[in-house]
Amino acid sequence: MVCHHDVLSQEGVGMLAINDSLSLEACVYVILRKYFKKESYYVDLLETFQEVKFLLLSRAIHLPDRAR
């Protein structure tokens, strides 16, 4: 099984992965705005996505520490 840090350590792949993740994140917010902007729960939805993003990033940052 290939771990994310093995893939990201390959030359050039790390920056491509970061670029792809930022592009996908931007797409998520465009879709949320397009389909949910007029809903009363729109702000809650945005905050939920931001919270999940923060939790995933903080978890990903700590994964390499666990491998040691």
C-alpha atoms as a PDB file:
ATOM      1  CA  MET A   1       0.000   0.000   0.000  1.00  0.00           C
ATOM      2  CA  VAL A   2       1.317   3.432  -0.949  1.00  0.00           C
ATOM      3  CA  CYS A   3       1.248   6.130   1.716  1.00  0.00           C
ATOM      4  CA  HIS A   4       0.577   9.758   0.883  1.00  0.00           C
ATOM      5  CA  HIS A   5       3.998  10.863   2.128  1.00  0.00           C
ATOM      6  CA  ASP A   6       5.717   8.365  -0.217  1.00  0.00           C
ATOM      7  CA  VAL A   7       3.845   9.799  -3.181  1.00  0.00           C
ATOM      8  CA  LEU A   8       4.397  13.406  -2.159  1.00  0.00           C
ATOM      9  CA  SER A   9       8.120  12.827  -1.670  1.00  0.00           C
ATOM     10  CA  GLN A  10       8.549  11.953  -5.360  1.00  0.00           C
ATOM     11  CA  GLU A  11      10.030  14.823  -7.312  1.00  0.00           C
ATOM     12  CA  GLY A  12       7.407  17.272  -8.554  1.00  0.00           C
ATOM     13  CA  VAL A  13       4.423  15.349  -7.251  1.00  0.00           C
ATOM     14  CA  GLY A  14       4.110  17.314  -4.016  1.00  0.00           C
ATOM     15  CA  MET A  15       3.475  20.644  -5.699  1.00  0.00           C
ATOM     16  CA  LEU A  16       1.052  19.062  -8.175  1.00  0.00           C
ATOM     17  CA  ALA A  17      -0.887  17.493  -5.315  1.00  0.00           C
ATOM     18  CA  ILE A  18      -1.067  20.804  -3.470  1.00  0.00           C
ATOM     19  CA  ASN A  19      -2.221  22.585  -6.618  1.00  0.00           C
ATOM     20  CA  ASP A  20      -4.874  19.924  -7.269  1.00  0.00           C
ATOM     21  CA  SER A  21      -6.171  20.098  -3.707  1.00  0.00           C
ATOM     22  CA  LEU A  22      -6.495  23.885  -3.863  1.00  0.00           C
ATOM     23  CA  SER A  23      -8.324  23.646  -7.186  1.00  0.00           C
ATOM     24  CA  LEU A  24     -10.736  21.071  -5.778  1.00  0.00           C
ATOM     25  CA  GLU A  25     -11.339  23.183  -2.700  1.00  0.00           C
ATOM     26  CA  ALA A  26     -12.159  26.197  -4.865  1.00  0.00           C
ATOM     27  CA  CYS A  27     -14.606  24.069  -6.862  1.00  0.00           C
ATOM     28  CA  VAL A  28     -16.382  22.973  -3.681  1.00  0.00           C
ATOM     29  CA  TYR A  29     -16.980  26.574  -2.645  1.00  0.00           C
ATOM     30  CA  VAL A  30     -18.175  27.554  -6.131  1.00  0.00           C
ATOM     31  CA  ILE A  31     -20.684  24.681  -6.065  1.00  0.00           C
ATOM     32  CA  LEU A  32     -21.842  25.574  -2.556  1.00  0.00           C
ATOM     33  CA  ARG A  33     -22.341  29.204  -3.560  1.00  0.00           C
ATOM     34  CA  LYS A  34     -24.161  28.290  -6.776  1.00  0.00           C
ATOM     35  CA  TYR A  35     -26.666  25.876  -5.233  1.00  0.00           C
ATOM     36  CA  PHE A  36     -27.000  26.961  -1.595  1.00  0.00           C
ATOM     37  CA  LYS A  37     -26.374  30.721  -1.397  1.00  0.00           C
ATOM     38  CA  LYS A  38     -30.056  31.565  -0.927  1.00  0.00           C
ATOM     39  CA  GLU A  39     -30.604  28.922   1.742  1.00  0.00           C
ATOM     40  CA  SER A  40     -30.848  29.934   5.392  1.00  0.00           C
ATOM     41  CA  TYR A  41     -28.203  27.335   6.315  1.00  0.00           C
ATOM     42  CA  TYR A  42     -25.614  28.541   3.774  1.00  0.00           C
ATOM     43  CA  VAL A  43     -23.280  30.053   6.374  1.00  0.00           C
ATOM     44  CA  ASP A  44     -23.532  26.926   8.521  1.00  0.00           C
ATOM     45  CA  LEU A  45     -22.668  24.831   5.482  1.00  0.00           C
ATOM     46  CA  LEU A  46     -19.596  26.961   4.720  1.00  0.00           C
ATOM     47  CA  GLU A  47     -18.465  26.786   8.329  1.00  0.00           C
ATOM     48  CA  THR A  48     -18.876  22.995   8.338  1.00  0.00           C
ATOM     49  CA  PHE A  49     -16.736  22.607   5.234  1.00  0.00           C
ATOM     50  CA  GLN A  50     -14.081  24.906   6.696  1.00  0.00           C
ATOM     51  CA  GLU A  51     -14.080  22.950   9.951  1.00  0.00           C
ATOM     52  CA  VAL A  52     -13.707  19.632   8.123  1.00  0.00           C
ATOM     53  CA  LYS A  53     -10.887  21.085   6.026  1.00  0.00           C
ATOM     54  CA  PHE A  54      -9.099  22.245   9.174  1.00  0.00           C
ATOM     55  CA  LEU A  55      -9.502  18.852  10.848  1.00  0.00           C
ATOM     56  CA  LEU A  56      -8.221  16.992   7.781  1.00  0.00           C
ATOM     57  CA  LEU A  57      -5.235  19.322   7.409  1.00  0.00           C
ATOM     58  CA  SER A  58      -4.311  19.056  11.066  1.00  0.00           C
ATOM     59  CA  ARG A  59      -4.581  15.275  10.861  1.00  0.00           C
ATOM     60  CA  ALA A  60      -2.458  15.142   7.686  1.00  0.00           C
ATOM     61  CA  ILE A  61       0.218  17.292   9.312  1.00  0.00           C
ATOM     62  CA  HIS A  62       0.502  14.846  12.213  1.00  0.00           C
ATOM     63  CA  LEU A  63       0.497  11.621  10.154  1.00  0.00           C
ATOM     64  CA  PRO A  64       4.231  11.638   9.364  1.00  0.00           C
ATOM     65  CA  ASP A  65       4.964  11.964  13.112  1.00  0.00           C
ATOM     66  CA  ARG A  66       3.090   8.708  13.777  1.00  0.00           C
ATOM     67  CA  ALA A  67       5.169   6.807  11.209  1.00  0.00           C
ATOM     68  CA  ARG A  68       8.386   7.425  13.124  1.00  0.00           C
END
